C-alpha atoms as a PDB file:
ATOM      1  CA  UNK A   1      66.396-100.856  45.707  1.00  0.00           C
ATOM      2  CA  UNK A   2      66.424 -97.475  47.431  1.00  0.00           C
ATOM      3  CA  UNK A   3      63.361 -96.534  49.413  1.00  0.00           C
ATOM      4  CA  UNK A   4      61.233 -94.808  46.806  1.00  0.00           C
ATOM      5  CA  UNK A   5      57.903 -93.299  47.647  1.00  0.00           C
ATOM      6  CA  UNK A   6      55.934 -90.271  46.671  1.00  0.00           C
ATOM      7  CA  UNK A   7      55.090 -87.594  49.204  1.00  0.00           C
ATOM      8  CA  UNK A   8      51.534 -88.906  49.054  1.00  0.00           C
ATOM      9  CA  UNK A   9      52.854 -92.289  50.208  1.00  0.00           C
ATOM     10  CA  UNK A  10      52.541 -94.237  46.945  1.00  0.00           C
ATOM     11  CA  UNK A  11      55.419 -96.674  46.990  1.00  0.00           C
ATOM     12  CA  UNK A  12      57.405 -97.633  43.930  1.00  0.00           C
ATOM     13  CA  UNK A  13      56.662-101.311  43.459  1.00  0.00           C
ATOM     14  CA  UNK A  14      59.842-103.352  42.984  1.00  0.00           C
ATOM     15  CA  UNK A  15      60.718-104.138  39.391  1.00  0.00           C
ATOM     16  CA  UNK A  16      59.221-107.426  38.244  1.00  0.00           C
ATOM     17  CA  UNK A  17      60.390-108.911  34.967  1.00  0.00           C
ATOM     18  CA  UNK A  18      60.890-106.901  31.833  1.00  0.00           C
ATOM     19  CA  UNK A  19      58.982-103.987  30.415  1.00  0.00           C
ATOM     20  CA  UNK A  20      56.931-104.275  27.255  1.00  0.00           C
ATOM     21  CA  UNK A  21      58.636-102.940  24.144  1.00  0.00           C
ATOM     22  CA  UNK A  22      56.490 -99.785  24.289  1.00  0.00           C
ATOM     23  CA  UNK A  23      57.390 -99.092  27.918  1.00  0.00           C
ATOM     24  CA  UNK A  24      61.073 -99.891  27.343  1.00  0.00           C
ATOM     25  CA  UNK A  25      60.989 -97.231  24.598  1.00  0.00           C
ATOM     26  CA  UNK A  26      59.777 -94.713  27.191  1.00  0.00           C
ATOM     27  CA  UNK A  27      62.811 -95.457  29.378  1.00  0.00           C
ATOM     28  CA  UNK A  28      65.124 -95.106  26.362  1.00  0.00           C
ATOM     29  CA  UNK A  29      63.579 -91.754  25.425  1.00  0.00           C
ATOM     30  CA  UNK A  30      63.861 -90.515  29.018  1.00  0.00           C
ATOM     31  CA  UNK A  31      67.521 -91.552  29.199  1.00  0.00           C
ATOM     32  CA  UNK A  32      68.231 -89.728  25.946  1.00  0.00           C
ATOM     33  CA  UNK A  33      66.500 -86.530  27.072  1.00  0.00           C
ATOM     34  CA  UNK A  34      68.481 -86.558  30.324  1.00  0.00           C
ATOM     35  CA  UNK A  35      71.819 -87.270  28.667  1.00  0.00           C
ATOM     36  CA  UNK A  36      71.391 -84.738  25.856  1.00  0.00           C
ATOM     37  CA  UNK A  37      71.530 -81.786  28.237  1.00  0.00           C
ATOM     38  CA  UNK A  38      73.146 -83.351  31.304  1.00  0.00           C
ATOM     39  CA  UNK A  39      69.960 -82.839  33.329  1.00  0.00           C
ATOM     40  CA  UNK A  40      69.216 -84.308  36.729  1.00  0.00           C
ATOM     41  CA  UNK A  41      66.212 -86.177  35.319  1.00  0.00           C
ATOM     42  CA  UNK A  42      64.726 -87.266  32.039  1.00  0.00           C
ATOM     43  CA  UNK A  43      61.163 -88.409  31.478  1.00  0.00           C
ATOM     44  CA  UNK A  44      58.794 -89.482  28.761  1.00  0.00           C
ATOM     45  CA  UNK A  45      55.096 -90.189  28.432  1.00  0.00           C
ATOM     46  CA  UNK A  46      52.865 -91.994  25.932  1.00  0.00           C
ATOM     47  CA  UNK A  47      49.437 -90.556  25.170  1.00  0.00           C
ATOM     48  CA  UNK A  48      46.152 -92.189  24.220  1.00  0.00           C
ATOM     49  CA  UNK A  49      47.164 -92.246  20.533  1.00  0.00           C
ATOM     50  CA  UNK A  50      50.569 -93.838  21.169  1.00  0.00           C
ATOM     51  CA  UNK A  51      52.485 -90.598  20.630  1.00  0.00           C
ATOM     52  CA  UNK A  52      55.495 -90.089  22.888  1.00  0.00           C
ATOM     53  CA  UNK A  53      56.917 -86.954  24.460  1.00  0.00           C
ATOM     54  CA  UNK A  54      60.305 -86.705  26.172  1.00  0.00           C
ATOM     55  CA  UNK A  55      61.742 -83.969  28.351  1.00  0.00           C
ATOM     56  CA  UNK A  56      64.504 -83.134  30.790  1.00  0.00           C
ATOM     57  CA  UNK A  57      64.276 -81.281  34.075  1.00  0.00           C
ATOM     58  CA  UNK A  58      64.782 -77.510  33.878  1.00  0.00           C
ATOM     59  CA  UNK A  59      66.288 -75.396  36.638  1.00  0.00           C
ATOM     60  CA  UNK A  60      66.521 -71.670  35.893  1.00  0.00           C
ATOM     61  CA  UNK A  61      66.750 -68.734  38.276  1.00  0.00           C
ATOM     62  CA  UNK A  62      63.177 -67.801  37.366  1.00  0.00           C
ATOM     63  CA  UNK A  63      61.615 -71.297  37.361  1.00  0.00           C
ATOM     64  CA  UNK A  64      62.078 -75.004  37.910  1.00  0.00           C
ATOM     65  CA  UNK A  65      60.107 -77.838  36.350  1.00  0.00           C
ATOM     66  CA  UNK A  66      60.588 -81.565  36.707  1.00  0.00           C
ATOM     67  CA  UNK A  67      61.181 -83.714  33.668  1.00  0.00           C
ATOM     68  CA  UNK A  68      57.904 -85.540  34.222  1.00  0.00           C
ATOM     69  CA  UNK A  69      55.944 -82.278  34.529  1.00  0.00           C
ATOM     70  CA  UNK A  70      57.483 -81.007  31.280  1.00  0.00           C
ATOM     71  CA  UNK A  71      56.798 -84.256  29.412  1.00  0.00           C
ATOM     72  CA  UNK A  72      53.153 -84.137  30.544  1.00  0.00           C
ATOM     73  CA  UNK A  73      52.894 -80.438  29.606  1.00  0.00           C
ATOM     74  CA  UNK A  74      54.305 -81.185  26.143  1.00  0.00           C
ATOM     75  CA  UNK A  75      51.733 -83.939  25.648  1.00  0.00           C
ATOM     76  CA  UNK A  76      48.873 -81.691  26.747  1.00  0.00           C
ATOM     77  CA  UNK A  77      50.121 -78.859  24.510  1.00  0.00           C
ATOM     78  CA  UNK A  78      49.968 -81.296  21.590  1.00  0.00           C
ATOM     79  CA  UNK A  79      46.374 -82.250  22.387  1.00  0.00           C
ATOM     80  CA  UNK A  80      46.722 -85.308  24.620  1.00  0.00           C
ATOM     81  CA  UNK A  81      43.808 -85.905  26.961  1.00  0.00           C
ATOM     82  CA  UNK A  82      44.945 -89.187  28.519  1.00  0.00           C
ATOM     83  CA  UNK A  83      48.249 -90.922  29.235  1.00  0.00           C
ATOM     84  CA  UNK A  84      48.904 -94.627  28.868  1.00  0.00           C
ATOM     85  CA  UNK A  85      52.276 -94.763  30.640  1.00  0.00           C
ATOM     86  CA  UNK A  86      55.225 -92.690  31.804  1.00  0.00           C
ATOM     87  CA  UNK A  87      58.886 -93.211  32.653  1.00  0.00           C
ATOM     88  CA  UNK A  88      61.375 -91.166  34.624  1.00  0.00           C
ATOM     89  CA  UNK A  89      65.135 -91.680  34.748  1.00  0.00           C
ATOM     90  CA  UNK A  90      66.699 -90.266  37.879  1.00  0.00           C
ATOM     91  CA  UNK A  91      69.430 -90.648  40.462  1.00  0.00           C
ATOM     92  CA  UNK A  92      66.999 -89.545  43.187  1.00  0.00           C
ATOM     93  CA  UNK A  93      65.802 -91.989  45.793  1.00  0.00           C
ATOM     94  CA  UNK A  94      62.165 -90.860  45.441  1.00  0.00           C
ATOM     95  CA  UNK A  95      59.731 -90.130  42.662  1.00  0.00           C
ATOM     96  CA  UNK A  96      59.035 -86.396  42.711  1.00  0.00           C
ATOM     97  CA  UNK A  97      55.554 -85.529  43.910  1.00  0.00           C
ATOM     98  CA  UNK A  98      54.973 -82.805  41.304  1.00  0.00           C
ATOM     99  CA  UNK A  99      55.704 -85.125  38.374  1.00  0.00           C
ATOM    100  CA  UNK A 100      53.612 -87.886  39.914  1.00  0.00           C
ATOM    101  CA  UNK A 101      50.698 -85.453  40.323  1.00  0.00           C
ATOM    102  CA  UNK A 102      51.028 -84.234  36.716  1.00  0.00           C
ATOM    103  CA  UNK A 103      50.714 -87.788  35.379  1.00  0.00           C
ATOM    104  CA  UNK A 104      47.745 -88.446  37.672  1.00  0.00           C
ATOM    105  CA  UNK A 105      45.982 -85.351  36.279  1.00  0.00           C
ATOM    106  CA  UNK A 106      45.608 -87.278  33.012  1.00  0.00           C
ATOM    107  CA  UNK A 107      45.668 -90.897  34.142  1.00  0.00           C
ATOM    108  CA  UNK A 108      44.592 -92.207  37.527  1.00  0.00           C
ATOM    109  CA  UNK A 109      46.376 -95.542  37.181  1.00  0.00           C
ATOM    110  CA  UNK A 110      48.877 -95.294  34.318  1.00  0.00           C
ATOM    111  CA  UNK A 111      52.148 -96.944  35.290  1.00  0.00           C
ATOM    112  CA  UNK A 112      55.077 -94.632  36.019  1.00  0.00           C
ATOM    113  CA  UNK A 113      58.286 -96.605  35.505  1.00  0.00           C
ATOM    114  CA  UNK A 114      61.240 -95.373  37.557  1.00  0.00           C
ATOM    115  CA  UNK A 115      64.676 -96.199  36.198  1.00  0.00           C
ATOM    116  CA  UNK A 116      68.280 -95.515  37.120  1.00  0.00           C
ATOM    117  CA  UNK A 117      70.502 -93.552  34.715  1.00  0.00           C
ATOM    118  CA  UNK A 118      71.789 -96.894  33.393  1.00  0.00           C
ATOM    119  CA  UNK A 119      68.250 -97.723  32.297  1.00  0.00           C
ATOM    120  CA  UNK A 120      67.812-100.416  34.939  1.00  0.00           C
ATOM    121  CA  UNK A 121      64.204-100.490  36.086  1.00  0.00           C
ATOM    122  CA  UNK A 122      63.941 -99.724  39.810  1.00  0.00           C
ATOM    123  CA  UNK A 123      60.184-100.086  40.049  1.00  0.00           C
ATOM    124  CA  UNK A 124      56.770 -98.919  38.930  1.00  0.00           C
ATOM    125  CA  UNK A 125      54.218 -96.629  40.564  1.00  0.00           C
ATOM    126  CA  UNK A 126      50.638 -97.578  39.749  1.00  0.00           C
ATOM    127  CA  UNK A 127      48.672 -95.488  42.222  1.00  0.00           C
END
């Protein structure tokens, strides 16, 4: 597994076993969001009511936003106050700090599953 850590030093824990069906759905949604627009990253989150939100990274001349930031923003815009879990699909060797921070704004310990574009789980950030 590539060395994956957040700028804050939170390491991606190596993948252990399989994800629950709900968390596997998050990876599937993130893969779909990424593939739909050919984005660098796709992400999805599940809120306190079990609703899911998926997004892709956006890079425009006037702004850039990570997929995880956009998925969190979509959840908040729909009324979410807490997140249960998140997933990001990326080719990067690290979990982006901005997306990590956005998830932590709503959930101090929700798992953030990091997966390769194939959907293979690389690891999970819990801190």
